[in-house]
């Protein structure tokens, strides 16, 4: 059992990194966007800045935190005896949960790009999306969508 624990933990944390980051791409549409009218605005990129996007965890951080708590509790249980063993187990579980949550959060972080765009109407807007395409200042682009659902595509 103790030999399988590290393998199980690594497997679970690997699965935590398999978050679907496609929705953050400017080239991917959700099902409710298909066959619906979208606004199109034209503009010119003023500035490009690399950023990180923290993708949502499908498990709400429970996978990393739970796995970390399990591993930390088992490791803490190997220390001491009596009430000291119980304290070490609890401390290991708490520390493991915190570490596991951080590992899951970093696995769910993807490279993004912040695009500052001056529309042809003279408005300045900023859109953040997955960095799966190269954009340059001065490049003409299309802003597709409206409100909190806008993607940027080359013109």
N, C-alpha and C. Protein backbone atom coordinates (compact mmCIF):
# COMPACT_ATOMS: atom_id res chain seq x y z
N UNK A 1 0.83 -1.20 0.00
CA UNK A 1 0.00 0.00 0.00
C UNK A 1 0.87 1.26 0.00
N UNK A 2 1.87 1.27 0.89
CA UNK A 2 2.72 2.46 0.99
C UNK A 2 3.52 2.69 -0.29
N UNK A 3 3.83 1.62 -1.01
CA UNK A 3 4.58 1.78 -2.26
C UNK A 3 3.69 2.31 -3.38
N UNK A 4 2.42 2.02 -3.33
CA UNK A 4 1.50 2.48 -4.36
C UNK A 4 1.07 3.93 -4.15
N UNK A 5 1.19 4.42 -2.94
CA UNK A 5 0.74 5.78 -2.63
C UNK A 5 1.43 6.84 -3.47
N UNK A 6 2.75 6.84 -3.59
CA UNK A 6 3.38 7.87 -4.44
C UNK A 6 2.92 7.78 -5.90
N UNK A 7 2.74 6.58 -6.42
CA UNK A 7 2.30 6.42 -7.80
C UNK A 7 0.89 6.97 -7.97
N UNK A 8 0.01 6.65 -7.01
CA UNK A 8 -1.37 7.16 -7.06
C UNK A 8 -1.39 8.68 -6.96
N UNK A 9 -0.56 9.23 -6.09
CA UNK A 9 -0.52 10.68 -5.90
C UNK A 9 -0.05 11.38 -7.17
N UNK A 10 0.99 10.88 -7.78
CA UNK A 10 1.50 11.48 -9.01
C UNK A 10 0.45 11.38 -10.12
N UNK A 11 -0.23 10.25 -10.19
CA UNK A 11 -1.28 10.08 -11.20
C UNK A 11 -2.40 11.08 -11.01
N UNK A 12 -2.85 11.27 -9.77
CA UNK A 12 -3.93 12.21 -9.51
C UNK A 12 -3.52 13.65 -9.80
N UNK A 13 -2.31 14.02 -9.41
CA UNK A 13 -1.85 15.38 -9.67
C UNK A 13 -1.63 15.61 -11.17
N UNK A 14 -1.25 14.57 -11.90
CA UNK A 14 -1.12 14.69 -13.34
C UNK A 14 -2.48 14.95 -13.97
N UNK A 15 -3.51 14.25 -13.49
CA UNK A 15 -4.86 14.48 -13.99
C UNK A 15 -5.33 15.90 -13.69
N UNK A 16 -4.90 16.46 -12.57
CA UNK A 16 -5.28 17.83 -12.23
C UNK A 16 -4.75 18.81 -13.27
N UNK A 17 -3.64 18.48 -13.91
CA UNK A 17 -3.06 19.35 -14.93
C UNK A 17 -3.73 19.22 -16.28
N UNK A 18 -4.70 18.34 -16.39
CA UNK A 18 -5.38 18.12 -17.67
C UNK A 18 -6.62 18.99 -17.81
N UNK A 19 -6.56 20.18 -17.27
CA UNK A 19 -7.69 21.09 -17.38
C UNK A 19 -7.87 21.52 -18.83
N UNK A 20 -9.09 21.70 -19.25
CA UNK A 20 -9.38 22.11 -20.62
C UNK A 20 -9.16 23.62 -20.74
N UNK A 21 -8.10 24.02 -21.42
CA UNK A 21 -7.79 25.44 -21.57
C UNK A 21 -8.26 25.99 -22.91
N UNK A 22 -8.89 25.18 -23.73
CA UNK A 22 -9.34 25.62 -25.05
C UNK A 22 -10.27 26.83 -25.01
N UNK A 23 -11.18 26.95 -24.03
CA UNK A 23 -12.09 28.10 -24.05
C UNK A 23 -11.37 29.45 -24.00
N UNK A 24 -10.11 29.47 -23.59
CA UNK A 24 -9.38 30.73 -23.49
C UNK A 24 -8.75 31.14 -24.82
N UNK A 25 -8.88 30.31 -25.84
CA UNK A 25 -8.31 30.59 -27.15
C UNK A 25 -9.25 31.48 -27.95
N UNK A 26 -8.70 32.32 -28.77
CA UNK A 26 -9.50 33.13 -29.66
C UNK A 26 -10.04 32.33 -30.84
N UNK A 27 -9.57 31.08 -30.99
CA UNK A 27 -9.97 30.25 -32.12
C UNK A 27 -11.01 29.19 -31.74
N UNK A 28 -11.49 29.21 -30.50
CA UNK A 28 -12.44 28.20 -30.04
C UNK A 28 -13.74 28.87 -29.63
N UNK A 29 -14.84 28.35 -30.13
CA UNK A 29 -16.16 28.86 -29.77
C UNK A 29 -16.87 27.84 -28.88
N UNK A 30 -17.63 28.32 -27.92
CA UNK A 30 -18.45 27.43 -27.09
C UNK A 30 -19.69 27.02 -27.87
N UNK A 31 -20.37 26.00 -27.40
CA UNK A 31 -21.55 25.51 -28.09
C UNK A 31 -22.64 26.56 -28.23
N UNK A 32 -22.81 27.40 -27.21
CA UNK A 32 -23.88 28.42 -27.30
C UNK A 32 -23.49 29.59 -28.20
N UNK A 33 -22.23 29.70 -28.60
CA UNK A 33 -21.82 30.74 -29.53
C UNK A 33 -22.04 30.31 -30.98
N UNK A 34 -22.06 29.01 -31.22
CA UNK A 34 -22.27 28.51 -32.58
C UNK A 34 -23.68 28.85 -33.03
N UNK A 35 -23.79 29.22 -34.27
CA UNK A 35 -25.07 29.56 -34.89
C UNK A 35 -25.76 30.74 -34.21
N UNK A 36 -24.98 31.61 -33.59
CA UNK A 36 -25.55 32.84 -33.02
C UNK A 36 -24.81 34.04 -33.60
N UNK A 37 -25.52 35.15 -33.68
CA UNK A 37 -24.95 36.37 -34.23
C UNK A 37 -23.93 36.95 -33.25
N UNK A 38 -22.80 37.40 -33.78
CA UNK A 38 -21.74 38.00 -32.97
C UNK A 38 -21.46 39.40 -33.51
N UNK A 39 -21.16 40.33 -32.63
CA UNK A 39 -20.74 41.66 -33.06
C UNK A 39 -19.29 41.59 -33.54
N UNK A 40 -18.98 42.37 -34.58
CA UNK A 40 -17.60 42.47 -35.06
C UNK A 40 -17.20 43.93 -35.03
N UNK A 41 -16.07 44.19 -34.39
CA UNK A 41 -15.49 45.53 -34.34
C UNK A 41 -14.07 45.43 -34.87
N UNK A 42 -13.64 46.42 -35.59
CA UNK A 42 -12.29 46.41 -36.15
C UNK A 42 -11.42 47.39 -35.38
N UNK A 43 -10.14 47.08 -35.28
CA UNK A 43 -9.23 47.95 -34.57
C UNK A 43 -7.78 47.63 -34.87
N UNK A 44 -6.90 48.33 -34.16
CA UNK A 44 -5.46 48.18 -34.32
C UNK A 44 -4.84 47.92 -32.95
N UNK A 45 -3.97 46.94 -32.89
CA UNK A 45 -3.31 46.61 -31.62
C UNK A 45 -2.34 47.73 -31.26
N UNK A 46 -2.45 48.23 -30.04
CA UNK A 46 -1.57 49.27 -29.53
C UNK A 46 -0.43 48.68 -28.70
N UNK A 47 -0.74 47.63 -27.92
CA UNK A 47 0.27 47.03 -27.05
C UNK A 47 -0.07 45.55 -26.83
N UNK A 48 0.97 44.75 -26.64
CA UNK A 48 0.84 43.32 -26.37
C UNK A 48 1.66 43.01 -25.13
N UNK A 49 1.05 42.29 -24.19
CA UNK A 49 1.77 41.95 -22.95
C UNK A 49 1.48 40.50 -22.59
N UNK A 50 2.54 39.71 -22.35
CA UNK A 50 2.31 38.32 -21.92
C UNK A 50 1.75 38.30 -20.50
N UNK A 51 0.78 37.43 -20.26
CA UNK A 51 0.17 37.28 -18.94
C UNK A 51 -0.05 35.80 -18.68
N UNK A 52 -0.45 35.47 -17.48
CA UNK A 52 -0.84 34.11 -17.11
C UNK A 52 -2.34 34.09 -16.86
N UNK A 53 -3.02 33.06 -17.33
CA UNK A 53 -4.44 32.87 -17.07
C UNK A 53 -4.57 31.70 -16.11
N UNK A 54 -5.24 31.93 -14.99
CA UNK A 54 -5.49 30.86 -14.03
C UNK A 54 -6.77 30.16 -14.45
N UNK A 55 -6.62 29.01 -15.10
CA UNK A 55 -7.79 28.26 -15.57
C UNK A 55 -8.57 27.73 -14.37
N UNK A 56 -9.89 27.67 -14.54
CA UNK A 56 -10.74 27.14 -13.48
C UNK A 56 -10.48 25.66 -13.28
N UNK A 57 -10.43 25.24 -12.03
CA UNK A 57 -10.27 23.82 -11.71
C UNK A 57 -11.63 23.15 -11.75
N UNK A 58 -11.72 22.05 -12.45
CA UNK A 58 -12.99 21.32 -12.52
C UNK A 58 -13.38 20.73 -11.17
N UNK A 59 -12.41 20.53 -10.31
CA UNK A 59 -12.70 19.93 -9.01
C UNK A 59 -12.69 20.96 -7.89
N UNK A 60 -12.53 22.24 -8.23
CA UNK A 60 -12.51 23.28 -7.21
C UNK A 60 -11.32 23.17 -6.27
N UNK A 61 -10.23 22.60 -6.75
CA UNK A 61 -9.03 22.45 -5.92
C UNK A 61 -9.06 21.22 -5.03
N UNK A 62 -10.13 20.44 -5.09
CA UNK A 62 -10.25 19.27 -4.22
C UNK A 62 -9.28 18.15 -4.59
N UNK A 63 -8.99 18.00 -5.88
CA UNK A 63 -8.11 16.92 -6.29
C UNK A 63 -6.71 17.12 -5.74
N UNK A 64 -6.14 18.30 -5.96
CA UNK A 64 -4.79 18.57 -5.45
C UNK A 64 -4.76 18.61 -3.94
N UNK A 65 -5.72 19.32 -3.33
CA UNK A 65 -5.76 19.43 -1.88
C UNK A 65 -6.01 18.10 -1.21
N UNK A 66 -6.94 17.32 -1.76
CA UNK A 66 -7.25 16.01 -1.18
C UNK A 66 -6.10 15.04 -1.29
N UNK A 67 -5.46 15.03 -2.46
CA UNK A 67 -4.31 14.15 -2.65
C UNK A 67 -3.16 14.57 -1.74
N UNK A 68 -2.93 15.87 -1.65
CA UNK A 68 -1.86 16.36 -0.77
C UNK A 68 -2.14 16.03 0.69
N UNK A 69 -3.40 16.17 1.12
CA UNK A 69 -3.76 15.84 2.50
C UNK A 69 -3.53 14.37 2.78
N UNK A 70 -3.90 13.52 1.83
CA UNK A 70 -3.71 12.08 1.99
C UNK A 70 -2.23 11.73 2.13
N UNK A 71 -1.43 12.25 1.23
CA UNK A 71 0.01 11.96 1.27
C UNK A 71 0.63 12.54 2.54
N UNK A 72 0.31 13.79 2.86
CA UNK A 72 0.85 14.41 4.07
C UNK A 72 0.45 13.68 5.33
N UNK A 73 -0.81 13.23 5.38
CA UNK A 73 -1.28 12.48 6.55
C UNK A 73 -0.56 11.17 6.71
N UNK A 74 -0.35 10.46 5.60
CA UNK A 74 0.37 9.17 5.66
C UNK A 74 1.81 9.40 6.09
N UNK A 75 2.44 10.42 5.52
CA UNK A 75 3.83 10.70 5.90
C UNK A 75 3.93 11.15 7.35
N UNK A 76 2.99 12.00 7.79
CA UNK A 76 2.99 12.45 9.19
C UNK A 76 2.75 11.31 10.15
N UNK A 77 2.00 10.32 9.72
CA UNK A 77 1.69 9.17 10.57
C UNK A 77 2.93 8.30 10.82
N UNK A 78 3.97 8.48 10.02
CA UNK A 78 5.20 7.72 10.18
C UNK A 78 6.09 8.29 11.29
N UNK A 79 5.71 9.45 11.82
CA UNK A 79 6.54 10.16 12.79
C UNK A 79 5.99 9.97 14.20
N UNK A 80 6.88 9.72 15.14
CA UNK A 80 6.51 9.70 16.56
C UNK A 80 5.59 8.57 16.95
N UNK A 81 5.01 8.73 18.14
CA UNK A 81 4.09 7.74 18.68
C UNK A 81 3.11 8.41 19.62
N UNK A 82 2.00 7.74 19.93
CA UNK A 82 1.00 8.29 20.84
C UNK A 82 0.37 9.56 20.31
N UNK A 83 0.24 10.55 21.21
CA UNK A 83 -0.39 11.82 20.80
C UNK A 83 0.50 12.59 19.82
N UNK A 84 1.79 12.41 19.91
CA UNK A 84 2.70 13.05 18.96
C UNK A 84 2.47 12.56 17.55
N UNK A 85 2.14 11.29 17.42
CA UNK A 85 1.85 10.72 16.11
C UNK A 85 0.58 11.33 15.53
N UNK A 86 -0.42 11.53 16.39
CA UNK A 86 -1.68 12.13 15.94
C UNK A 86 -1.47 13.57 15.49
N UNK A 87 -0.68 14.31 16.24
CA UNK A 87 -0.38 15.70 15.88
C UNK A 87 0.40 15.76 14.57
N UNK A 88 1.39 14.86 14.43
CA UNK A 88 2.19 14.83 13.20
C UNK A 88 1.31 14.45 12.01
N UNK A 89 0.36 13.54 12.20
CA UNK A 89 -0.54 13.14 11.12
C UNK A 89 -1.41 14.32 10.69
N UNK A 90 -1.98 15.01 11.68
CA UNK A 90 -2.82 16.17 11.38
C UNK A 90 -2.01 17.27 10.69
N UNK A 91 -0.83 17.56 11.21
CA UNK A 91 0.02 18.60 10.61
C UNK A 91 0.43 18.21 9.19
N UNK A 92 0.75 16.93 9.00
CA UNK A 92 1.10 16.46 7.66
C UNK A 92 -0.06 16.60 6.69
N UNK A 93 -1.26 16.28 7.16
CA UNK A 93 -2.44 16.38 6.30
C UNK A 93 -2.72 17.84 5.93
N UNK A 94 -2.61 18.74 6.88
CA UNK A 94 -2.85 20.16 6.61
C UNK A 94 -1.80 20.72 5.65
N UNK A 95 -0.54 20.44 5.94
CA UNK A 95 0.55 20.91 5.06
C UNK A 95 0.45 20.30 3.68
N UNK A 96 0.10 19.02 3.61
CA UNK A 96 -0.05 18.35 2.32
C UNK A 96 -1.19 18.94 1.51
N UNK A 97 -2.31 19.27 2.18
CA UNK A 97 -3.45 19.87 1.48
C UNK A 97 -3.06 21.22 0.89
N UNK A 98 -2.34 22.02 1.66
CA UNK A 98 -1.91 23.33 1.16
C UNK A 98 -0.96 23.18 -0.02
N UNK A 99 0.00 22.26 0.09
CA UNK A 99 0.96 22.05 -1.00
C UNK A 99 0.26 21.49 -2.23
N UNK A 100 -0.66 20.55 -2.05
CA UNK A 100 -1.37 19.95 -3.17
C UNK A 100 -2.22 20.97 -3.92
N UNK A 101 -2.85 21.88 -3.17
CA UNK A 101 -3.65 22.93 -3.80
C UNK A 101 -2.78 23.86 -4.63
N UNK A 102 -1.59 24.20 -4.12
CA UNK A 102 -0.67 25.05 -4.88
C UNK A 102 -0.19 24.35 -6.16
N UNK A 103 0.09 23.05 -6.06
CA UNK A 103 0.53 22.30 -7.24
C UNK A 103 -0.58 22.29 -8.29
N UNK A 104 -1.82 22.04 -7.85
CA UNK A 104 -2.94 22.03 -8.79
C UNK A 104 -3.15 23.40 -9.43
N UNK A 105 -3.04 24.46 -8.63
CA UNK A 105 -3.20 25.81 -9.17
C UNK A 105 -2.15 26.11 -10.23
N UNK A 106 -0.89 25.74 -9.97
CA UNK A 106 0.15 26.03 -10.95
C UNK A 106 0.00 25.16 -12.19
N UNK A 107 -0.54 23.96 -12.05
CA UNK A 107 -0.77 23.10 -13.21
C UNK A 107 -1.89 23.65 -14.08
N UNK A 108 -2.80 24.42 -13.49
CA UNK A 108 -3.94 24.98 -14.22
C UNK A 108 -3.67 26.38 -14.75
N UNK A 109 -2.43 26.82 -14.73
CA UNK A 109 -2.08 28.15 -15.23
C UNK A 109 -1.57 28.01 -16.66
N UNK A 110 -2.07 28.87 -17.56
CA UNK A 110 -1.66 28.81 -18.96
C UNK A 110 -1.14 30.17 -19.41
N UNK A 111 -0.35 30.15 -20.47
CA UNK A 111 0.18 31.39 -21.03
C UNK A 111 -0.92 32.12 -21.78
N UNK A 112 -1.04 33.41 -21.49
CA UNK A 112 -2.03 34.24 -22.16
C UNK A 112 -1.37 35.49 -22.71
N UNK A 113 -2.18 36.29 -23.37
CA UNK A 113 -1.70 37.55 -23.93
C UNK A 113 -2.77 38.61 -23.68
N UNK A 114 -2.31 39.76 -23.20
CA UNK A 114 -3.19 40.91 -23.00
C UNK A 114 -3.02 41.82 -24.20
N UNK A 115 -4.12 42.08 -24.91
CA UNK A 115 -4.08 42.88 -26.12
C UNK A 115 -4.80 44.20 -25.88
N UNK A 116 -4.06 45.30 -25.98
CA UNK A 116 -4.68 46.62 -25.91
C UNK A 116 -4.97 47.05 -27.34
N UNK A 117 -6.24 47.35 -27.61
CA UNK A 117 -6.68 47.61 -28.98
C UNK A 117 -7.42 48.94 -29.04
N UNK A 118 -7.08 49.75 -30.03
CA UNK A 118 -7.85 50.97 -30.31
C UNK A 118 -8.77 50.65 -31.47
N UNK A 119 -10.07 50.71 -31.18
CA UNK A 119 -11.05 50.39 -32.23
C UNK A 119 -11.06 51.51 -33.26
N UNK A 120 -11.60 51.21 -34.43
CA UNK A 120 -11.71 52.22 -35.48
C UNK A 120 -12.61 53.37 -35.06
N UNK A 121 -13.47 53.14 -34.07
CA UNK A 121 -14.33 54.20 -33.54
C UNK A 121 -13.60 55.06 -32.51
N UNK A 122 -12.35 54.71 -32.17
CA UNK A 122 -11.55 55.50 -31.25
C UNK A 122 -11.59 55.05 -29.80
N UNK A 123 -12.25 53.95 -29.50
CA UNK A 123 -12.29 53.43 -28.12
C UNK A 123 -11.10 52.52 -27.87
N UNK A 124 -10.58 52.55 -26.64
CA UNK A 124 -9.51 51.64 -26.26
C UNK A 124 -10.11 50.50 -25.44
N UNK A 125 -9.79 49.27 -25.82
CA UNK A 125 -10.27 48.09 -25.10
C UNK A 125 -9.09 47.16 -24.85
N UNK A 126 -9.24 46.31 -23.84
CA UNK A 126 -8.23 45.30 -23.53
C UNK A 126 -8.92 43.95 -23.52
N UNK A 127 -8.32 42.99 -24.21
CA UNK A 127 -8.83 41.62 -24.24
C UNK A 127 -7.69 40.69 -23.85
N UNK A 128 -7.98 39.74 -22.96
CA UNK A 128 -7.00 38.72 -22.58
C UNK A 128 -7.49 37.39 -23.13
N UNK A 129 -6.60 36.68 -23.80
CA UNK A 129 -6.93 35.36 -24.31
C UNK A 129 -5.68 34.50 -24.33
N UNK A 130 -5.86 33.21 -24.61
CA UNK A 130 -4.75 32.26 -24.65
C UNK A 130 -3.73 32.70 -25.70
N UNK A 131 -2.45 32.55 -25.38
CA UNK A 131 -1.37 32.96 -26.29
C UNK A 131 -1.08 31.84 -27.29
N UNK A 132 -2.02 31.61 -28.19
CA UNK A 132 -1.83 30.56 -29.19
C UNK A 132 -1.66 31.15 -30.59
N UNK A 133 -1.46 32.44 -30.65
CA UNK A 133 -1.27 33.15 -31.92
C UNK A 133 -0.38 34.36 -31.62
N UNK A 134 0.41 34.77 -32.59
CA UNK A 134 1.31 35.91 -32.39
C UNK A 134 0.63 37.20 -32.87
N UNK A 135 0.59 38.19 -31.99
CA UNK A 135 0.05 39.51 -32.33
C UNK A 135 1.15 40.55 -32.15
N UNK A 136 1.12 41.59 -32.98
CA UNK A 136 2.13 42.65 -32.95
C UNK A 136 1.45 44.01 -32.89
N UNK A 137 2.05 45.00 -32.18
CA UNK A 137 1.51 46.36 -32.21
C UNK A 137 1.45 46.85 -33.66
N UNK A 138 0.36 47.54 -34.00
CA UNK A 138 0.14 48.04 -35.34
C UNK A 138 -0.66 47.09 -36.21
N UNK A 139 -0.85 45.87 -35.75
CA UNK A 139 -1.59 44.87 -36.52
C UNK A 139 -3.10 45.16 -36.48
N UNK A 140 -3.76 45.07 -37.63
CA UNK A 140 -5.22 45.21 -37.72
C UNK A 140 -5.86 43.91 -37.24
N UNK A 141 -6.91 44.04 -36.42
CA UNK A 141 -7.58 42.87 -35.88
C UNK A 141 -9.09 43.05 -35.89
N UNK A 142 -9.80 41.94 -35.69
CA UNK A 142 -11.24 41.93 -35.50
C UNK A 142 -11.53 41.53 -34.08
N UNK A 143 -12.41 42.24 -33.41
CA UNK A 143 -12.90 41.86 -32.08
C UNK A 143 -14.27 41.23 -32.32
N UNK A 144 -14.41 39.97 -31.95
CA UNK A 144 -15.63 39.22 -32.25
C UNK A 144 -16.35 38.93 -30.94
N UNK A 145 -17.60 39.33 -30.85
CA UNK A 145 -18.41 39.12 -29.65
C UNK A 145 -18.68 40.44 -28.97
N UNK A 146 -19.12 40.37 -27.71
CA UNK A 146 -19.39 41.59 -26.96
C UNK A 146 -19.34 41.29 -25.47
N UNK A 147 -19.20 42.36 -24.69
CA UNK A 147 -19.19 42.21 -23.23
C UNK A 147 -18.05 41.34 -22.73
N UNK A 148 -18.38 40.32 -21.93
CA UNK A 148 -17.36 39.46 -21.34
C UNK A 148 -17.04 38.28 -22.25
N UNK A 149 -17.48 38.31 -23.48
CA UNK A 149 -17.25 37.19 -24.40
C UNK A 149 -16.72 37.72 -25.73
N UNK A 150 -15.46 38.19 -25.72
CA UNK A 150 -14.84 38.77 -26.90
C UNK A 150 -13.56 38.00 -27.20
N UNK A 151 -13.34 37.70 -28.46
CA UNK A 151 -12.07 37.13 -28.88
C UNK A 151 -11.48 38.02 -29.96
N UNK A 152 -10.16 37.94 -30.11
CA UNK A 152 -9.46 38.78 -31.09
C UNK A 152 -8.89 37.86 -32.15
N UNK A 153 -9.08 38.26 -33.41
CA UNK A 153 -8.57 37.48 -34.55
C UNK A 153 -7.93 38.44 -35.53
N UNK A 154 -6.92 37.97 -36.26
CA UNK A 154 -6.29 38.82 -37.27
C UNK A 154 -7.31 39.25 -38.32
N UNK A 155 -7.07 40.41 -38.90
CA UNK A 155 -7.95 40.92 -39.96
C UNK A 155 -7.34 40.64 -41.29
